[in-house]
Amino acid sequence: MLSDADRKKAADILMAAQKERKQATQLHITFPDITIEDSYAISTDVAQRKIKAGARLIGHKVGLTSKAMQRSSMIDEPDYGYILDDQLIADGAKVKHADYCKPRVEVELAFIMGKKLQGPGVGLTDVLRATEYVIPAIEIVDARIQDQRKIVDTVADNGAAAGIAMGGRPVGPMDVDLRWVGGIMYRNAEIEETGLAAGVLGHPALGVAWLANKIGPHGHALEPGHIVLAGSFTRVVFAQKGDTLHADFGPLGGIAIQFV
């Protein structure tokens, strides 16, 4: 467990890495005693600093929802991070590659909450009742920490959350079977990754339920209007300068962004 002073130093490191677009040394090397509890405290500190500077909390992201990713990270549950309003990107936007350290993209579903949802005890049907609509999304992830990272590094780095673009056709949470929503990620018109939303804990709404139950005992809730990225159902695709990344969700439409 780290001292408050060391947690503050770690938050300083992450803030500097994002500002300078230069990956920092792994926190588990700089702070060998770091724990998951420390990591969540660090990511919260960074988010609170940004909010005090004018950003607004608009939701959360859930990561590491597949069993394969959990095994590779040597954990037995997902992780989560914060979504701030300065991370929103318009569908079709051109984003500066130089604004990121090492950007990658993932295919996800975004749940837009219609009612407050707070754990513990939240299940799949609770999420479906509380969700106003679900919409396709592309998440930009950008590790501010060098490889090889451990889970404590990823959690402290806010799950590498860096941007979110939403688009396509919004659907009611029970209008379609969300498990069978498919996503195809193209890079410059070539297929890079494919997947089904069932890859997120068996049902993407279960990612939202996990989050509500994780933060609820600490007095936090998913609020009406908040965005929840339920977890990627494809592997990450690296983005180079000049790349156009297009996610096709079939009948739910598509989203595209270009790195310039």
Protein backbone atom coordinates (compact mmCIF):
# COMPACT_ATOMS: atom_id res chain seq x y z
CA MET A 1 0.00 0.00 0.00
CA LEU A 2 1.30 3.47 -0.93
CA SER A 3 1.34 6.58 1.17
CA ASP A 4 -0.84 9.54 0.19
CA ALA A 5 2.32 11.32 -0.94
CA ASP A 6 3.29 8.47 -3.28
CA ARG A 7 -0.24 8.29 -4.69
CA LYS A 8 -0.01 12.01 -5.45
CA LYS A 9 3.39 11.49 -7.13
CA ALA A 10 1.90 8.72 -9.29
CA ALA A 11 -0.98 11.00 -10.33
CA ASP A 12 1.57 13.70 -11.18
CA ILE A 13 3.43 11.21 -13.39
CA LEU A 14 0.27 10.27 -15.29
CA MET A 15 -0.80 13.89 -15.76
CA ALA A 16 2.65 14.75 -17.13
CA ALA A 17 2.68 11.73 -19.46
CA GLN A 18 -0.63 12.76 -21.00
CA LYS A 19 0.40 16.39 -21.34
CA GLU A 20 3.76 15.57 -22.91
CA ARG A 21 2.43 12.61 -25.00
CA LYS A 22 5.29 10.52 -23.64
CA GLN A 23 4.78 7.20 -21.91
CA ALA A 24 6.01 6.98 -18.33
CA THR A 25 7.89 4.17 -16.61
CA GLN A 26 5.56 1.50 -15.26
CA LEU A 27 4.18 2.47 -11.86
CA HIS A 28 4.79 -1.02 -10.51
CA ILE A 29 8.50 -0.39 -11.07
CA THR A 30 8.52 3.14 -9.65
CA PHE A 31 6.32 2.09 -6.72
CA PRO A 32 6.90 -1.64 -6.04
CA ASP A 33 4.34 -1.72 -3.20
CA ILE A 34 1.44 -0.43 -5.32
CA THR A 35 -1.87 -2.28 -4.94
CA ILE A 36 -5.15 -2.27 -6.89
CA GLU A 37 -6.63 -0.05 -4.16
CA ASP A 38 -3.80 2.43 -4.73
CA SER A 39 -4.42 2.31 -8.48
CA TYR A 40 -8.10 3.20 -8.19
CA ALA A 41 -7.22 6.01 -5.78
CA ILE A 42 -4.67 7.34 -8.29
CA SER A 43 -7.10 7.23 -11.23
CA THR A 44 -9.72 9.00 -9.08
CA ASP A 45 -7.20 11.68 -8.11
CA VAL A 46 -6.37 12.33 -11.78
CA ALA A 47 -10.06 12.52 -12.71
CA GLN A 48 -10.81 14.90 -9.84
CA ARG A 49 -7.94 17.18 -10.87
CA LYS A 50 -9.34 17.36 -14.40
CA ILE A 51 -12.84 18.05 -13.09
CA LYS A 52 -11.54 20.87 -10.91
CA ALA A 53 -9.88 22.27 -14.05
CA GLY A 54 -13.24 22.37 -15.85
CA ALA A 55 -13.92 18.88 -17.22
CA ARG A 56 -17.22 17.16 -16.45
CA LEU A 57 -17.82 13.54 -15.48
CA ILE A 58 -20.20 11.99 -18.03
CA GLY A 59 -19.82 8.28 -17.36
CA HIS A 60 -17.55 5.28 -16.93
CA LYS A 61 -15.84 2.62 -18.98
CA VAL A 62 -15.54 -1.06 -18.16
CA GLY A 63 -12.50 -2.99 -19.36
CA LEU A 64 -10.99 -6.47 -19.23
CA THR A 65 -14.41 -8.09 -19.63
CA SER A 66 -13.26 -11.17 -21.54
CA LYS A 67 -11.90 -14.24 -19.77
CA ALA A 68 -8.88 -14.28 -22.07
CA MET A 69 -7.94 -10.70 -21.13
CA GLN A 70 -8.47 -11.42 -17.44
CA ARG A 71 -6.21 -14.45 -17.60
CA SER A 72 -3.51 -12.49 -19.42
CA SER A 73 -3.74 -9.73 -16.78
CA MET A 74 -3.81 -12.27 -13.92
CA ILE A 75 -7.06 -10.90 -12.46
CA ASP A 76 -10.50 -12.43 -11.93
CA GLU A 77 -12.73 -9.42 -12.60
CA PRO A 78 -13.00 -6.44 -14.98
CA ASP A 79 -11.72 -2.95 -14.22
CA TYR A 80 -13.21 0.51 -14.72
CA GLY A 81 -12.28 4.10 -15.47
CA TYR A 82 -13.88 7.52 -15.84
CA ILE A 83 -15.26 9.19 -18.97
CA LEU A 84 -14.99 12.99 -19.02
CA ASP A 85 -16.65 15.33 -21.50
CA ASP A 86 -13.33 16.30 -23.08
CA GLN A 87 -12.98 12.70 -24.30
CA LEU A 88 -16.01 12.91 -26.60
CA ILE A 89 -15.24 12.77 -30.33
CA ALA A 90 -17.75 13.29 -33.13
CA ASP A 91 -18.53 10.47 -35.53
CA GLY A 92 -16.50 11.11 -38.70
CA ALA A 93 -14.04 13.41 -36.93
CA LYS A 94 -10.40 13.86 -37.80
CA VAL A 95 -8.32 13.50 -34.65
CA LYS A 96 -4.67 14.42 -34.25
CA HIS A 97 -2.48 11.36 -33.90
CA ALA A 98 0.04 13.56 -32.07
CA ASP A 99 -2.48 14.13 -29.27
CA TYR A 100 -1.88 10.57 -28.07
CA CYS A 101 1.06 8.50 -26.90
CA LYS A 102 0.21 5.25 -28.72
CA PRO A 103 -3.47 5.23 -29.77
CA ARG A 104 -5.52 2.09 -30.33
CA VAL A 105 -9.24 1.58 -30.91
CA GLU A 106 -11.84 -0.90 -29.71
CA VAL A 107 -15.42 -1.83 -30.72
CA GLU A 108 -17.98 -1.41 -27.93
CA LEU A 109 -21.59 -0.71 -27.05
CA ALA A 110 -22.40 2.40 -25.03
CA PHE A 111 -25.29 2.26 -22.57
CA ILE A 112 -26.98 5.61 -21.92
CA MET A 113 -28.61 5.52 -18.53
CA GLY A 114 -32.20 6.68 -18.16
CA LYS A 115 -32.50 6.01 -14.43
CA LYS A 116 -30.12 6.02 -11.49
CA LEU A 117 -28.51 2.64 -10.92
CA GLN A 118 -26.63 1.82 -7.73
CA GLY A 119 -25.34 -1.43 -6.30
CA PRO A 120 -24.97 -3.75 -4.63
CA GLY A 121 -27.44 -6.31 -5.95
CA VAL A 122 -27.77 -4.98 -9.51
CA GLY A 123 -28.48 -7.66 -12.12
CA LEU A 124 -28.95 -7.86 -15.87
CA THR A 125 -32.66 -7.01 -15.83
CA ASP A 126 -32.02 -4.02 -13.55
CA VAL A 127 -29.60 -2.64 -16.15
CA LEU A 128 -32.06 -3.17 -18.99
CA ARG A 129 -34.81 -1.36 -17.07
CA ALA A 130 -32.51 1.55 -16.18
CA THR A 131 -31.05 2.02 -19.67
CA GLU A 132 -32.61 4.62 -21.97
CA TYR A 133 -30.87 3.37 -25.10
CA VAL A 134 -27.77 1.57 -26.39
CA ILE A 135 -25.63 2.96 -29.20
CA PRO A 136 -22.52 1.75 -31.10
CA ALA A 137 -19.21 3.22 -30.01
CA ILE A 138 -15.52 3.29 -30.79
CA GLU A 139 -13.23 3.77 -27.80
CA ILE A 140 -9.76 5.23 -28.23
CA VAL A 141 -7.39 3.74 -25.69
CA ASP A 142 -3.98 5.26 -25.11
CA ALA A 143 -1.61 3.86 -22.50
CA ARG A 144 0.28 6.60 -20.75
CA ILE A 145 2.51 3.90 -19.26
CA GLN A 146 5.15 1.85 -21.06
CA ASP A 147 4.97 -1.88 -21.82
CA GLN A 148 5.07 -4.33 -20.10
CA ARG A 149 2.21 -3.17 -17.95
CA LYS A 150 0.60 -4.92 -15.02
CA ILE A 151 -3.02 -4.53 -13.99
CA VAL A 152 -2.04 -1.97 -11.33
CA ASP A 153 -0.59 0.21 -14.10
CA THR A 154 -3.68 -0.06 -16.31
CA VAL A 155 -6.12 0.70 -13.50
CA ALA A 156 -4.11 3.72 -12.31
CA ASP A 157 -4.06 4.95 -15.92
CA ASN A 158 -7.88 5.06 -15.96
CA GLY A 159 -8.03 1.90 -18.04
CA ALA A 160 -6.11 3.80 -20.78
CA ALA A 161 -9.32 5.70 -21.58
CA ALA A 162 -8.60 8.47 -24.08
CA GLY A 163 -11.62 9.06 -26.33
CA ILE A 164 -15.08 7.88 -27.32
CA ALA A 165 -17.03 8.30 -30.56
CA MET A 166 -20.67 7.22 -30.75
CA GLY A 167 -22.88 6.89 -33.80
CA GLY A 168 -25.10 4.62 -35.83
CA ARG A 169 -28.61 3.71 -34.73
CA PRO A 170 -29.62 3.93 -31.06
CA VAL A 171 -31.78 1.00 -29.94
CA GLY A 172 -33.86 0.28 -26.88
CA PRO A 173 -32.10 -2.15 -24.54
CA MET A 174 -34.77 -4.82 -25.13
CA ASP A 175 -35.56 -4.06 -28.77
CA VAL A 176 -32.77 -6.36 -29.93
CA ASP A 177 -30.89 -9.25 -28.36
CA LEU A 178 -27.74 -7.34 -27.47
CA ARG A 179 -25.69 -10.54 -27.17
CA TRP A 180 -25.81 -10.97 -30.95
CA VAL A 181 -24.83 -7.45 -31.93
CA GLY A 182 -21.74 -7.85 -34.10
CA GLY A 183 -18.93 -5.46 -34.81
CA ILE A 184 -16.38 -5.39 -37.63
CA MET A 185 -13.41 -3.05 -37.32
CA TYR A 186 -11.91 -1.86 -40.59
CA ARG A 187 -8.63 -0.02 -40.94
CA ASN A 188 -8.40 1.72 -44.33
CA ALA A 189 -11.15 -0.56 -45.73
CA GLU A 190 -9.42 -3.77 -44.59
CA ILE A 191 -10.99 -5.93 -41.89
CA GLU A 192 -8.82 -6.01 -38.76
CA GLU A 193 -11.10 -7.46 -36.06
CA THR A 194 -14.58 -8.94 -35.66
CA GLY A 195 -16.59 -9.92 -32.61
CA LEU A 196 -19.96 -10.33 -30.91
CA ALA A 197 -21.19 -8.37 -27.90
CA ALA A 198 -21.79 -11.70 -26.13
CA GLY A 199 -18.02 -11.69 -25.62
CA VAL A 200 -18.59 -9.14 -22.85
CA LEU A 201 -19.29 -11.40 -19.85
CA GLY A 202 -21.90 -13.27 -21.92
CA HIS A 203 -24.09 -10.15 -22.23
CA PRO A 204 -22.89 -6.53 -22.46
CA ALA A 205 -25.42 -5.40 -19.84
CA LEU A 206 -23.54 -7.54 -17.32
CA GLY A 207 -20.57 -5.21 -17.70
CA VAL A 208 -22.80 -2.34 -16.61
CA ALA A 209 -24.16 -4.41 -13.71
CA TRP A 210 -20.64 -5.25 -12.56
CA LEU A 211 -19.73 -1.55 -12.56
CA ALA A 212 -22.83 -0.51 -10.57
CA ASN A 213 -22.08 -3.20 -7.99
CA LYS A 214 -18.39 -2.27 -7.84
CA ILE A 215 -18.85 1.45 -7.16
CA GLY A 216 -22.15 1.28 -5.24
CA PRO A 217 -20.70 0.31 -1.84
CA HIS A 218 -18.47 3.40 -2.04
CA GLY A 219 -21.49 5.68 -2.34
CA HIS A 220 -21.35 6.15 -6.11
CA ALA A 221 -24.00 5.43 -8.73
CA LEU A 222 -24.59 5.44 -12.47
CA GLU A 223 -26.60 8.60 -12.99
CA PRO A 224 -29.30 9.42 -15.58
CA GLY A 225 -27.64 10.58 -18.79
CA HIS A 226 -24.33 8.91 -17.97
CA ILE A 227 -22.55 6.90 -20.64
CA VAL A 228 -21.26 3.46 -19.74
CA LEU A 229 -18.91 1.72 -22.17
CA ALA A 230 -19.69 -1.91 -21.41
CA GLY A 231 -16.40 -3.41 -22.62
CA SER A 232 -14.73 -4.23 -25.91
CA PHE A 233 -15.75 -7.31 -27.87
CA THR A 234 -12.78 -7.14 -30.25
CA ARG A 235 -9.06 -6.96 -29.70
CA VAL A 236 -7.48 -3.53 -29.96
CA VAL A 237 -6.41 -2.18 -33.36
CA PHE A 238 -3.41 0.15 -33.44
CA ALA A 239 -3.91 3.45 -35.24
CA GLN A 240 -1.20 5.10 -37.32
CA LYS A 241 -1.20 8.61 -38.69
CA GLY A 242 -3.43 8.71 -41.78
CA ASP A 243 -5.49 5.65 -40.79
CA THR A 244 -9.26 5.66 -41.08
CA LEU A 245 -10.89 3.36 -38.53
CA HIS A 246 -14.44 2.29 -39.31
CA ALA A 247 -16.60 0.12 -37.07
CA ASP A 248 -19.56 -1.57 -38.77
CA PHE A 249 -22.34 -2.77 -36.45
CA GLY A 250 -24.57 -4.16 -39.22
CA PRO A 251 -28.21 -3.05 -38.76
CA LEU A 252 -27.11 -0.65 -36.00
CA GLY A 253 -24.99 1.33 -38.46
CA GLY A 254 -21.38 2.39 -38.29
CA ILE A 255 -18.88 4.90 -36.92
CA ALA A 256 -15.62 6.20 -38.37
CA ILE A 257 -12.73 8.38 -37.23
CA GLN A 258 -9.52 9.34 -38.98
CA PHE A 259 -6.12 9.94 -37.39
CA VAL A 260 -4.30 12.84 -39.02
